[in-house]
Amino acid sequence: IKKKVKPERMLRSMRAAVRAGMHVRGHFIMGLPGQTLSEVAETFGFIARMAWIGVHDVNSYFFYPYPGSEIYRALVAEGRIDP
């Protein structure tokens, strides 16, 4: 989904926020097109690291291609979903 994030930097920021007394949450989307089982396992490892540093809440969501989005148009063009 073209996010340019660095997991280690995110963890440092979350750790600092937790230490500052902030309520920290993480949100994850699972099942993106092309996502491998290995990548899902990597995400769960990241979630475990978040828990270790004290992140308060973690939510995960199933991928849903919103009509009109770039990824929706690509999936329609590939014939992977019916418009």
N, C-alpha and C. Protein backbone atom coordinates (compact mmCIF):
# COMPACT_ATOMS: atom_id res chain seq x y z
N ILE A 1 0.81 -1.21 0.00
CA ILE A 1 0.00 0.00 0.00
C ILE A 1 0.85 1.26 0.00
N LYS A 2 2.12 1.06 -0.35
CA LYS A 2 3.05 2.17 -0.58
C LYS A 2 3.36 3.00 0.65
N LYS A 3 3.35 2.38 1.81
CA LYS A 3 3.76 3.10 3.02
C LYS A 3 5.27 3.02 3.12
N LYS A 4 5.88 4.13 3.35
CA LYS A 4 7.33 4.17 3.46
C LYS A 4 7.71 4.33 4.92
N VAL A 5 7.55 3.25 5.65
CA VAL A 5 7.84 3.27 7.08
C VAL A 5 8.99 2.32 7.38
N LYS A 6 9.70 2.62 8.45
CA LYS A 6 10.79 1.78 8.90
C LYS A 6 10.39 1.21 10.26
N PRO A 7 10.20 -0.11 10.32
CA PRO A 7 9.71 -0.73 11.56
C PRO A 7 10.52 -0.37 12.80
N GLU A 8 11.84 -0.35 12.70
CA GLU A 8 12.65 -0.03 13.88
C GLU A 8 12.40 1.40 14.35
N ARG A 9 12.24 2.31 13.41
CA ARG A 9 11.95 3.69 13.77
C ARG A 9 10.57 3.80 14.43
N MET A 10 9.60 3.03 13.90
CA MET A 10 8.26 3.02 14.49
C MET A 10 8.32 2.52 15.94
N LEU A 11 9.09 1.45 16.17
CA LEU A 11 9.19 0.90 17.52
C LEU A 11 9.84 1.90 18.47
N ARG A 12 10.86 2.61 18.02
CA ARG A 12 11.47 3.63 18.88
C ARG A 12 10.47 4.71 19.24
N SER A 13 9.68 5.14 18.25
CA SER A 13 8.67 6.17 18.50
C SER A 13 7.60 5.68 19.47
N MET A 14 7.17 4.44 19.28
CA MET A 14 6.15 3.88 20.16
C MET A 14 6.68 3.74 21.58
N ARG A 15 7.92 3.29 21.71
CA ARG A 15 8.52 3.14 23.04
C ARG A 15 8.58 4.50 23.74
N ALA A 16 9.00 5.52 23.02
CA ALA A 16 9.08 6.86 23.60
C ALA A 16 7.70 7.36 24.01
N ALA A 17 6.70 7.10 23.19
CA ALA A 17 5.34 7.54 23.51
C ALA A 17 4.81 6.83 24.75
N VAL A 18 5.06 5.51 24.85
CA VAL A 18 4.63 4.75 26.02
C VAL A 18 5.31 5.30 27.27
N ARG A 19 6.60 5.54 27.18
CA ARG A 19 7.35 6.08 28.34
C ARG A 19 6.85 7.46 28.75
N ALA A 20 6.34 8.21 27.77
CA ALA A 20 5.81 9.55 28.06
C ALA A 20 4.39 9.49 28.62
N GLY A 21 3.84 8.28 28.75
CA GLY A 21 2.51 8.13 29.33
C GLY A 21 1.37 8.19 28.32
N MET A 22 1.69 8.14 27.06
CA MET A 22 0.65 8.18 26.03
C MET A 22 0.04 6.80 25.83
N HIS A 23 -1.21 6.76 25.44
CA HIS A 23 -1.90 5.52 25.09
C HIS A 23 -1.59 5.24 23.62
N VAL A 24 -0.91 4.14 23.36
CA VAL A 24 -0.42 3.84 22.01
C VAL A 24 -1.19 2.68 21.41
N ARG A 25 -1.60 2.85 20.16
CA ARG A 25 -2.34 1.81 19.44
C ARG A 25 -1.65 1.49 18.12
N GLY A 26 -1.83 0.26 17.67
CA GLY A 26 -1.34 -0.16 16.36
C GLY A 26 -2.49 -0.72 15.56
N HIS A 27 -2.49 -0.44 14.27
CA HIS A 27 -3.54 -0.92 13.37
C HIS A 27 -2.88 -1.60 12.17
N PHE A 28 -3.36 -2.78 11.83
CA PHE A 28 -2.77 -3.56 10.75
C PHE A 28 -3.85 -4.06 9.80
N ILE A 29 -3.51 -4.10 8.52
CA ILE A 29 -4.40 -4.66 7.50
C ILE A 29 -3.76 -5.97 7.03
N MET A 30 -4.51 -7.03 7.08
CA MET A 30 -4.02 -8.35 6.66
C MET A 30 -4.71 -8.76 5.35
N GLY A 31 -4.00 -9.53 4.57
CA GLY A 31 -4.59 -10.10 3.36
C GLY A 31 -4.50 -9.21 2.13
N LEU A 32 -3.52 -8.33 2.10
CA LEU A 32 -3.34 -7.51 0.90
C LEU A 32 -2.94 -8.40 -0.27
N PRO A 33 -3.32 -8.03 -1.48
CA PRO A 33 -2.94 -8.83 -2.65
C PRO A 33 -1.43 -9.01 -2.70
N GLY A 34 -1.02 -10.25 -2.87
CA GLY A 34 0.40 -10.55 -2.97
C GLY A 34 1.08 -10.80 -1.63
N GLN A 35 0.38 -10.58 -0.53
CA GLN A 35 0.98 -10.81 0.79
C GLN A 35 1.19 -12.30 0.99
N THR A 36 2.39 -12.66 1.45
CA THR A 36 2.72 -14.07 1.66
C THR A 36 2.49 -14.45 3.12
N LEU A 37 2.44 -15.74 3.34
CA LEU A 37 2.30 -16.25 4.70
C LEU A 37 3.51 -15.82 5.55
N SER A 38 4.67 -15.78 4.93
CA SER A 38 5.87 -15.33 5.63
C SER A 38 5.73 -13.88 6.07
N GLU A 39 5.15 -13.04 5.24
CA GLU A 39 4.94 -11.64 5.60
C GLU A 39 3.92 -11.49 6.72
N VAL A 40 2.90 -12.33 6.71
CA VAL A 40 1.92 -12.31 7.81
C VAL A 40 2.62 -12.69 9.11
N ALA A 41 3.46 -13.72 9.07
CA ALA A 41 4.20 -14.13 10.26
C ALA A 41 5.12 -13.01 10.73
N GLU A 42 5.74 -12.30 9.81
CA GLU A 42 6.59 -11.17 10.16
C GLU A 42 5.79 -10.08 10.86
N THR A 43 4.57 -9.85 10.39
CA THR A 43 3.70 -8.86 11.03
C THR A 43 3.37 -9.27 12.45
N PHE A 44 3.06 -10.54 12.66
CA PHE A 44 2.78 -11.01 14.02
C PHE A 44 4.00 -10.87 14.92
N GLY A 45 5.19 -11.07 14.36
CA GLY A 45 6.41 -10.85 15.14
C GLY A 45 6.54 -9.39 15.55
N PHE A 46 6.20 -8.49 14.63
CA PHE A 46 6.24 -7.06 14.92
C PHE A 46 5.23 -6.71 16.02
N ILE A 47 4.05 -7.29 15.94
CA ILE A 47 3.02 -7.06 16.96
C ILE A 47 3.52 -7.53 18.33
N ALA A 48 4.21 -8.67 18.36
CA ALA A 48 4.77 -9.17 19.63
C ALA A 48 5.79 -8.18 20.18
N ARG A 49 6.61 -7.61 19.32
CA ARG A 49 7.58 -6.61 19.76
C ARG A 49 6.88 -5.36 20.30
N MET A 50 5.77 -4.99 19.66
CA MET A 50 5.00 -3.85 20.14
C MET A 50 4.48 -4.13 21.56
N ALA A 51 3.98 -5.32 21.77
CA ALA A 51 3.47 -5.69 23.09
C ALA A 51 4.60 -5.63 24.12
N TRP A 52 5.77 -6.08 23.75
CA TRP A 52 6.91 -6.11 24.65
C TRP A 52 7.30 -4.71 25.12
N ILE A 53 7.16 -3.70 24.24
CA ILE A 53 7.53 -2.34 24.63
C ILE A 53 6.38 -1.60 25.33
N GLY A 54 5.20 -2.23 25.39
CA GLY A 54 4.11 -1.65 26.15
C GLY A 54 2.98 -1.01 25.37
N VAL A 55 2.91 -1.27 24.06
CA VAL A 55 1.79 -0.74 23.28
C VAL A 55 0.49 -1.28 23.86
N HIS A 56 -0.50 -0.41 24.01
CA HIS A 56 -1.72 -0.75 24.73
C HIS A 56 -2.73 -1.56 23.91
N ASP A 57 -2.94 -1.19 22.66
CA ASP A 57 -3.97 -1.83 21.83
C ASP A 57 -3.41 -2.14 20.45
N VAL A 58 -3.82 -3.27 19.92
CA VAL A 58 -3.49 -3.63 18.55
C VAL A 58 -4.76 -4.12 17.88
N ASN A 59 -5.06 -3.56 16.73
CA ASN A 59 -6.23 -3.97 15.96
C ASN A 59 -5.78 -4.45 14.60
N SER A 60 -6.43 -5.47 14.10
CA SER A 60 -6.13 -5.92 12.74
C SER A 60 -7.44 -6.00 11.96
N TYR A 61 -7.30 -5.76 10.69
CA TYR A 61 -8.45 -5.70 9.80
C TYR A 61 -8.16 -6.51 8.55
N PHE A 62 -9.20 -7.06 7.96
CA PHE A 62 -9.05 -7.72 6.67
C PHE A 62 -9.01 -6.67 5.58
N PHE A 63 -8.19 -6.92 4.58
CA PHE A 63 -8.10 -6.02 3.45
C PHE A 63 -9.43 -5.99 2.70
N TYR A 64 -9.86 -4.80 2.34
CA TYR A 64 -11.05 -4.61 1.53
C TYR A 64 -10.73 -3.52 0.51
N PRO A 65 -10.79 -3.84 -0.78
CA PRO A 65 -10.45 -2.82 -1.79
C PRO A 65 -11.61 -1.83 -1.98
N TYR A 66 -11.39 -0.60 -1.57
CA TYR A 66 -12.43 0.41 -1.71
C TYR A 66 -12.59 0.83 -3.16
N PRO A 67 -13.84 0.84 -3.66
CA PRO A 67 -14.09 1.28 -5.04
C PRO A 67 -13.52 2.68 -5.26
N GLY A 68 -12.85 2.81 -6.40
CA GLY A 68 -12.24 4.09 -6.75
C GLY A 68 -10.78 4.21 -6.34
N SER A 69 -10.32 3.32 -5.46
CA SER A 69 -8.92 3.38 -5.05
C SER A 69 -8.03 2.77 -6.13
N GLU A 70 -6.76 3.10 -6.07
CA GLU A 70 -5.80 2.59 -7.06
C GLU A 70 -5.75 1.07 -7.04
N ILE A 71 -5.73 0.48 -5.87
CA ILE A 71 -5.64 -0.97 -5.77
C ILE A 71 -6.93 -1.64 -6.25
N TYR A 72 -8.06 -1.01 -6.02
CA TYR A 72 -9.33 -1.54 -6.52
C TYR A 72 -9.30 -1.59 -8.04
N ARG A 73 -8.90 -0.49 -8.66
CA ARG A 73 -8.84 -0.44 -10.13
C ARG A 73 -7.87 -1.49 -10.68
N ALA A 74 -6.75 -1.68 -10.01
CA ALA A 74 -5.78 -2.68 -10.46
C ALA A 74 -6.37 -4.09 -10.36
N LEU A 75 -7.07 -4.39 -9.28
CA LEU A 75 -7.67 -5.72 -9.11
C LEU A 75 -8.77 -5.97 -10.13
N VAL A 76 -9.54 -4.95 -10.45
CA VAL A 76 -10.57 -5.08 -11.49
C VAL A 76 -9.90 -5.32 -12.84
N ALA A 77 -8.85 -4.55 -13.14
CA ALA A 77 -8.16 -4.69 -14.43
C ALA A 77 -7.53 -6.08 -14.58
N GLU A 78 -7.08 -6.66 -13.46
CA GLU A 78 -6.50 -8.00 -13.49
C GLU A 78 -7.57 -9.09 -13.51
N GLY A 79 -8.82 -8.70 -13.36
CA GLY A 79 -9.90 -9.68 -13.34
C GLY A 79 -10.00 -10.44 -12.03
N ARG A 80 -9.37 -9.91 -10.98
CA ARG A 80 -9.38 -10.60 -9.70
C ARG A 80 -10.62 -10.30 -8.87
N ILE A 81 -11.29 -9.17 -9.16
CA ILE A 81 -12.57 -8.88 -8.53
C ILE A 81 -13.54 -8.36 -9.58
N ASP A 82 -14.80 -8.52 -9.30
CA ASP A 82 -15.85 -8.08 -10.21
C ASP A 82 -16.34 -6.71 -9.78
N PRO A 83 -16.28 -5.74 -10.67
CA PRO A 83 -16.71 -4.40 -10.28
C PRO A 83 -18.19 -4.35 -9.96
